[in-house]
PDB file of N, CA and C in Angstrom:
ATOM      1  N   MET A   1       0.836  -1.186   0.000  1.00  0.00           N
ATOM      2  CA  MET A   1       0.000   0.000   0.000  1.00  0.00           C
ATOM      3  C   MET A   1       0.880   1.249   0.000  1.00  0.00           C
ATOM      4  N   THR A   2       0.450   2.241  -0.705  1.00  0.00           N
ATOM      5  CA  THR A   2       1.158   3.509  -0.760  1.00  0.00           C
ATOM      6  C   THR A   2       1.034   4.243   0.570  1.00  0.00           C
ATOM      7  N   LYS A   3       2.119   4.875   0.981  1.00  0.00           N
ATOM      8  CA  LYS A   3       2.094   5.669   2.214  1.00  0.00           C
ATOM      9  C   LYS A   3       1.425   6.997   1.914  1.00  0.00           C
ATOM     10  N   ARG A   4       0.441   7.370   2.771  1.00  0.00           N
ATOM     11  CA  ARG A   4      -0.220   8.654   2.581  1.00  0.00           C
ATOM     12  C   ARG A   4      -0.890   9.118   3.862  1.00  0.00           C
ATOM     13  N   VAL A   5      -1.186  10.403   3.900  1.00  0.00           N
ATOM     14  CA  VAL A   5      -1.912  10.997   5.012  1.00  0.00           C
ATOM     15  C   VAL A   5      -3.169  11.619   4.429  1.00  0.00           C
ATOM     16  N   GLN A   6      -4.309  11.222   4.959  1.00  0.00           N
ATOM     17  CA  GLN A   6      -5.589  11.752   4.490  1.00  0.00           C
ATOM     18  C   GLN A   6      -6.074  12.768   5.514  1.00  0.00           C
ATOM     19  N   LEU A   7      -6.321  13.999   5.058  1.00  0.00           N
ATOM     20  CA  LEU A   7      -6.807  15.070   5.934  1.00  0.00           C
ATOM     21  C   LEU A   7      -8.261  15.378   5.613  1.00  0.00           C
ATOM     22  N   ARG A   8      -9.042  15.578   6.664  1.00  0.00           N
ATOM     23  CA  ARG A   8     -10.424  16.052   6.505  1.00  0.00           C
ATOM     24  C   ARG A   8     -10.541  17.336   7.320  1.00  0.00           C
ATOM     25  N   ILE A   9     -10.990  18.395   6.676  1.00  0.00           N
ATOM     26  CA  ILE A   9     -11.177  19.673   7.363  1.00  0.00           C
ATOM     27  C   ILE A   9     -12.667  19.948   7.413  1.00  0.00           C
ATOM     28  N   PHE A  10     -13.195  20.058   8.625  1.00  0.00           N
ATOM     29  CA  PHE A  10     -14.624  20.229   8.834  1.00  0.00           C
ATOM     30  C   PHE A  10     -14.997  21.710   8.864  1.00  0.00           C
ATOM     31  N   PRO A  11     -16.260  22.040   8.591  1.00  0.00           N
ATOM     32  CA  PRO A  11     -16.705  23.447   8.579  1.00  0.00           C
ATOM     33  C   PRO A  11     -16.421  24.194   9.884  1.00  0.00           C
ATOM     34  N   ASP A  12     -16.404  23.468  11.019  1.00  0.00           N
ATOM     35  CA  ASP A  12     -16.145  24.138  12.304  1.00  0.00           C
ATOM     36  C   ASP A  12     -14.656  24.324  12.581  1.00  0.00           C
ATOM     37  N   GLY A  13     -13.789  23.939  11.619  1.00  0.00           N
ATOM     38  CA  GLY A  13     -12.354  24.141  11.759  1.00  0.00           C
ATOM     39  C   GLY A  13     -11.587  22.933  12.275  1.00  0.00           C
ATOM     40  N   ARG A  14     -12.298  21.893  12.715  1.00  0.00           N
ATOM     41  CA  ARG A  14     -11.609  20.682  13.162  1.00  0.00           C
ATOM     42  C   ARG A  14     -10.887  20.028  11.985  1.00  0.00           C
ATOM     43  N   VAL A  15      -9.744  19.440  12.274  1.00  0.00           N
ATOM     44  CA  VAL A  15      -8.971  18.727  11.260  1.00  0.00           C
ATOM     45  C   VAL A  15      -8.805  17.290  11.740  1.00  0.00           C
ATOM     46  N   GLN A  16      -9.138  16.357  10.869  1.00  0.00           N
ATOM     47  CA  GLN A  16      -8.965  14.938  11.185  1.00  0.00           C
ATOM     48  C   GLN A  16      -7.942  14.375  10.202  1.00  0.00           C
ATOM     49  N   ALA A  17      -6.966  13.650  10.709  1.00  0.00           N
ATOM     50  CA  ALA A  17      -5.923  13.080   9.862  1.00  0.00           C
ATOM     51  C   ALA A  17      -5.864  11.583  10.077  1.00  0.00           C
ATOM     52  N   GLU A  18      -5.628  10.858   8.989  1.00  0.00           N
ATOM     53  CA  GLU A  18      -5.442   9.412   9.069  1.00  0.00           C
ATOM     54  C   GLU A  18      -4.217   9.041   8.256  1.00  0.00           C
ATOM     55  N   VAL A  19      -3.273   8.377   8.905  1.00  0.00           N
ATOM     56  CA  VAL A  19      -2.056   7.917   8.245  1.00  0.00           C
ATOM     57  C   VAL A  19      -2.342   6.518   7.713  1.00  0.00           C
ATOM     58  N   GLN A  20      -2.029   6.294   6.445  1.00  0.00           N
ATOM     59  CA  GLN A  20      -2.305   5.006   5.820  1.00  0.00           C
ATOM     60  C   GLN A  20      -1.034   4.461   5.178  1.00  0.00           C
ATOM     61  N   GLY A  21      -0.858   3.153   5.256  1.00  0.00           N
ATOM     62  CA  GLY A  21       0.277   2.495   4.613  1.00  0.00           C
ATOM     63  C   GLY A  21       1.561   2.507   5.415  1.00  0.00           C
ATOM     64  N   ILE A  22       1.486   2.926   6.684  1.00  0.00           N
ATOM     65  CA  ILE A  22       2.666   2.944   7.544  1.00  0.00           C
ATOM     66  C   ILE A  22       2.366   2.076   8.751  1.00  0.00           C
ATOM     67  N   LYS A  23       3.126   1.024   8.916  1.00  0.00           N
ATOM     68  CA  LYS A  23       2.865   0.056   9.980  1.00  0.00           C
ATOM     69  C   LYS A  23       3.634   0.398  11.251  1.00  0.00           C
ATOM     70  N   GLY A  24       3.065   0.022  12.369  1.00  0.00           N
ATOM     71  CA  GLY A  24       3.739   0.196  13.646  1.00  0.00           C
ATOM     72  C   GLY A  24       3.703   1.622  14.156  1.00  0.00           C
ATOM     73  N   LYS A  25       4.563   1.871  15.119  1.00  0.00           N
ATOM     74  CA  LYS A  25       4.583   3.170  15.801  1.00  0.00           C
ATOM     75  C   LYS A  25       5.145   4.295  14.932  1.00  0.00           C
ATOM     76  N   ALA A  26       5.703   3.971  13.776  1.00  0.00           N
ATOM     77  CA  ALA A  26       6.273   5.001  12.898  1.00  0.00           C
ATOM     78  C   ALA A  26       5.227   6.032  12.490  1.00  0.00           C
ATOM     79  N   CYS A  27       3.972   5.619  12.438  1.00  0.00           N
ATOM     80  CA  CYS A  27       2.916   6.549  12.014  1.00  0.00           C
ATOM     81  C   CYS A  27       2.769   7.716  12.988  1.00  0.00           C
ATOM     82  N   THR A  28       3.093   7.505  14.270  1.00  0.00           N
ATOM     83  CA  THR A  28       2.924   8.576  15.256  1.00  0.00           C
ATOM     84  C   THR A  28       3.918   9.718  15.064  1.00  0.00           C
ATOM     85  N   SER A  29       5.000   9.467  14.336  1.00  0.00           N
ATOM     86  CA  SER A  29       5.969  10.538  14.092  1.00  0.00           C
ATOM     87  C   SER A  29       5.392  11.619  13.182  1.00  0.00           C
ATOM     88  N   TYR A  30       4.300  11.322  12.512  1.00  0.00           N
ATOM     89  CA  TYR A  30       3.673  12.300  11.622  1.00  0.00           C
ATOM     90  C   TYR A  30       2.799  13.293  12.380  1.00  0.00           C
ATOM     91  N   ILE A  31       2.473  13.005  13.628  1.00  0.00           N
ATOM     92  CA  ILE A  31       1.588  13.890  14.383  1.00  0.00           C
ATOM     93  C   ILE A  31       2.169  15.295  14.490  1.00  0.00           C
ATOM     94  N   SER A  32       3.420  15.422  14.910  1.00  0.00           N
ATOM     95  CA  SER A  32       4.011  16.762  15.073  1.00  0.00           C
ATOM     96  C   SER A  32       4.148  17.481  13.738  1.00  0.00           C
ATOM     97  N   ILE A  33       4.426  16.737  12.676  1.00  0.00           N
ATOM     98  CA  ILE A  33       4.522  17.351  11.345  1.00  0.00           C
ATOM     99  C   ILE A  33       3.171  17.916  10.941  1.00  0.00           C
ATOM    100  N   LEU A  34       2.108  17.143  11.154  1.00  0.00           N
ATOM    101  CA  LEU A  34       0.765  17.603  10.804  1.00  0.00           C
ATOM    102  C   LEU A  34       0.344  18.798  11.655  1.00  0.00           C
ATOM    103  N   GLU A  35       0.681  18.760  12.949  1.00  0.00           N
ATOM    104  CA  GLU A  35       0.344  19.891  13.819  1.00  0.00           C
ATOM    105  C   GLU A  35       0.977  21.173  13.299  1.00  0.00           C
ATOM    106  N   GLU A  36       2.224  21.079  12.862  1.00  0.00           N
ATOM    107  CA  GLU A  36       2.919  22.252  12.346  1.00  0.00           C
ATOM    108  C   GLU A  36       2.307  22.732  11.028  1.00  0.00           C
ATOM    109  N   LEU A  37       1.976  21.797  10.155  1.00  0.00           N
ATOM    110  CA  LEU A  37       1.415  22.160   8.850  1.00  0.00           C
ATOM    111  C   LEU A  37       0.068  22.864   8.960  1.00  0.00           C
ATOM    112  N   VAL A  38      -0.786  22.383   9.845  1.00  0.00           N
ATOM    113  CA  VAL A  38      -2.132  22.962   9.954  1.00  0.00           C
ATOM    114  C   VAL A  38      -2.252  23.957  11.110  1.00  0.00           C
ATOM    115  N   LYS A  39      -1.129  24.242  11.765  1.00  0.00           N
ATOM    116  CA  LYS A  39      -1.101  25.198  12.886  1.00  0.00           C
ATOM    117  C   LYS A  39      -2.153  24.824  13.936  1.00  0.00           C
ATOM    118  N   ALA A  40      -2.126  23.559  14.352  1.00  0.00           N
ATOM    119  CA  ALA A  40      -3.088  23.056  15.320  1.00  0.00           C
ATOM    120  C   ALA A  40      -2.401  22.085  16.269  1.00  0.00           C
ATOM    121  N   GLU A  41      -3.123  21.687  17.293  1.00  0.00           N
ATOM    122  CA  GLU A  41      -2.598  20.741  18.274  1.00  0.00           C
ATOM    123  C   GLU A  41      -3.514  19.530  18.332  1.00  0.00           C
ATOM    124  N   ALA A  42      -2.939  18.348  18.359  1.00  0.00           N
ATOM    125  CA  ALA A  42      -3.724  17.123  18.462  1.00  0.00           C
ATOM    126  C   ALA A  42      -4.395  17.067  19.830  1.00  0.00           C
ATOM    127  N   VAL A  43      -5.691  16.765  19.830  1.00  0.00           N
ATOM    128  CA  VAL A  43      -6.423  16.661  21.089  1.00  0.00           C
ATOM    129  C   VAL A  43      -6.906  15.235  21.345  1.00  0.00           C
ATOM    130  N   ASP A  44      -6.849  14.385  20.323  1.00  0.00           N
ATOM    131  CA  ASP A  44      -7.307  13.013  20.463  1.00  0.00           C
ATOM    132  C   ASP A  44      -6.608  12.149  19.423  1.00  0.00           C
ATOM    133  N   SER A  45      -6.340  10.907  19.767  1.00  0.00           N
ATOM    134  CA  SER A  45      -5.722   9.974  18.828  1.00  0.00           C
ATOM    135  C   SER A  45      -6.391   8.618  18.965  1.00  0.00           C
ATOM    136  N   SER A  46      -6.467   7.930  17.865  1.00  0.00           N
ATOM    137  CA  SER A  46      -6.891   6.537  17.879  1.00  0.00           C
ATOM    138  C   SER A  46      -6.030   5.809  16.864  1.00  0.00           C
ATOM    139  N   TYR A  47      -5.935   4.498  17.010  1.00  0.00           N
ATOM    140  CA  TYR A  47      -5.015   3.735  16.179  1.00  0.00           C
ATOM    141  C   TYR A  47      -5.772   2.815  15.226  1.00  0.00           C
ATOM    142  N   THR A  48      -5.289   2.759  13.998  1.00  0.00           N
ATOM    143  CA  THR A  48      -5.836   1.833  13.011  1.00  0.00           C
ATOM    144  C   THR A  48      -5.191   0.468  13.224  1.00  0.00           C
ATOM    145  N   PRO A  49      -5.716  -0.577  12.613  1.00  0.00           N
ATOM    146  CA  PRO A  49      -5.091  -1.901  12.739  1.00  0.00           C
ATOM    147  C   PRO A  49      -3.622  -1.914  12.287  1.00  0.00           C
ATOM    148  N   GLU A  50      -3.259  -1.025  11.343  1.00  0.00           N
ATOM    149  CA  GLU A  50      -1.864  -0.969  10.877  1.00  0.00           C
ATOM    150  C   GLU A  50      -0.896  -0.603  12.000  1.00  0.00           C
ATOM    151  N   TYR A  51      -1.347   0.160  12.978  1.00  0.00           N
ATOM    152  CA  TYR A  51      -0.493   0.557  14.098  1.00  0.00           C
ATOM    153  C   TYR A  51       0.029  -0.675  14.839  1.00  0.00           C
ATOM    154  N   PHE A  52      -0.792  -1.709  14.922  1.00  0.00           N
ATOM    155  CA  PHE A  52      -0.447  -2.899  15.688  1.00  0.00           C
ATOM    156  C   PHE A  52       0.313  -3.933  14.869  1.00  0.00           C
ATOM    157  N   GLU A  53       0.551  -3.657  13.577  1.00  0.00           N
ATOM    158  CA  GLU A  53       1.326  -4.554  12.728  1.00  0.00           C
ATOM    159  C   GLU A  53       2.808  -4.213  12.855  1.00  0.00           C
ATOM    160  N   LYS A  54       3.655  -5.207  12.619  1.00  0.00           N
ATOM    161  CA  LYS A  54       5.093  -4.972  12.660  1.00  0.00           C
ATOM    162  C   LYS A  54       5.554  -4.351  11.357  1.00  0.00           C
ATOM    163  N   GLU A  55       6.416  -3.378  11.476  1.00  0.00           N
ATOM    164  CA  GLU A  55       7.010  -2.737  10.308  1.00  0.00           C
ATOM    165  C   GLU A  55       8.154  -3.617   9.811  1.00  0.00           C
ATOM    166  N   THR A  56       8.203  -3.857   8.515  1.00  0.00           N
ATOM    167  CA  THR A  56       9.304  -4.632   7.954  1.00  0.00           C
ATOM    168  C   THR A  56      10.311  -3.689   7.324  1.00  0.00           C
ATOM    169  N   VAL A  57      11.584  -3.980   7.551  1.00  0.00           N
ATOM    170  CA  VAL A  57      12.663  -3.165   7.011  1.00  0.00           C
ATOM    171  C   VAL A  57      13.446  -4.023   6.036  1.00  0.00           C
ATOM    172  N   HIS A  58      13.583  -3.542   4.806  1.00  0.00           N
ATOM    173  CA  HIS A  58      14.326  -4.275   3.786  1.00  0.00           C
ATOM    174  C   HIS A  58      15.746  -3.742   3.727  1.00  0.00           C
ATOM    175  N   THR A  59      16.715  -4.642   3.936  1.00  0.00           N
ATOM    176  CA  THR A  59      18.110  -4.219   3.961  1.00  0.00           C
ATOM    177  C   THR A  59      18.792  -4.398   2.621  1.00  0.00           C
ATOM    178  N   GLY A  60      18.168  -5.175   1.739  1.00  0.00           N
ATOM    179  CA  GLY A  60      18.797  -5.446   0.455  1.00  0.00           C
ATOM    180  C   GLY A  60      19.729  -6.634   0.511  1.00  0.00           C
ATOM    181  N   ILE A  61      19.852  -7.250   1.691  1.00  0.00           N
ATOM    182  CA  ILE A  61      20.702  -8.428   1.858  1.00  0.00           C
ATOM    183  C   ILE A  61      19.779  -9.622   2.082  1.00  0.00           C
ATOM    184  N   SER A  62      19.927 -10.640   1.283  1.00  0.00           N
ATOM    185  CA  SER A  62      19.098 -11.830   1.453  1.00  0.00           C
ATOM    186  C   SER A  62      19.666 -12.699   2.565  1.00  0.00           C
ATOM    187  N   ASP A  63      18.871 -13.643   3.043  1.00  0.00           N
ATOM    188  CA  ASP A  63      19.327 -14.569   4.081  1.00  0.00           C
ATOM    189  C   ASP A  63      20.540 -15.363   3.610  1.00  0.00           C
ATOM    190  N   GLU A  64      20.544 -15.765   2.326  1.00  0.00           N
ATOM    191  CA  GLU A  64      21.673 -16.513   1.786  1.00  0.00           C
ATOM    192  C   GLU A  64      22.963 -15.704   1.834  1.00  0.00           C
ATOM    193  N   GLN A  65      22.889 -14.436   1.479  1.00  0.00           N
ATOM    194  CA  GLN A  65      24.064 -13.585   1.476  1.00  0.00           C
ATOM    195  C   GLN A  65      24.591 -13.383   2.894  1.00  0.00           C
ATOM    196  N   SER A  66      23.697 -13.155   3.850  1.00  0.00           N
ATOM    197  CA  SER A  66      24.167 -12.891   5.208  1.00  0.00           C
ATOM    198  C   SER A  66      24.789 -14.141   5.819  1.00  0.00           C
ATOM    199  N   VAL A  67      24.302 -15.320   5.493  1.00  0.00           N
ATOM    200  CA  VAL A  67      24.898 -16.564   5.988  1.00  0.00           C
ATOM    201  C   VAL A  67      26.240 -16.801   5.336  1.00  0.00           C
ATOM    202  N   ALA A  68      26.321 -16.551   4.030  1.00  0.00           N
ATOM    203  CA  ALA A  68      27.566 -16.783   3.304  1.00  0.00           C
ATOM    204  C   ALA A  68      28.671 -15.848   3.744  1.00  0.00           C
ATOM    205  N   ASN A  69      28.304 -14.641   4.169  1.00  0.00           N
ATOM    206  CA  ASN A  69      29.298 -13.656   4.569  1.00  0.00           C
ATOM    207  C   ASN A  69      29.666 -13.745   6.050  1.00  0.00           C
ATOM    208  N   SER A  70      28.995 -14.604   6.804  1.00  0.00           N
ATOM    209  CA  SER A  70      29.258 -14.702   8.256  1.00  0.00           C
ATOM    210  C   SER A  70      30.538 -15.437   8.547  1.00  0.00           C
TER     211      SER A  70
END
């Protein structure tokens, strides 16, 4: 899934943001960026199922290569 942030701005000025395509706690690092962009402060947070998934990091080294080089 593509990484993206979906913003909804309501008529009363409330801003709702949802981070999509980012697994684990990494999504929370976007909160301060969003606060700065919209000149607002987060007052409530909830987590999507992606928050509870493990983030995978690709190193570019396969298991075979790392065993062979050990």
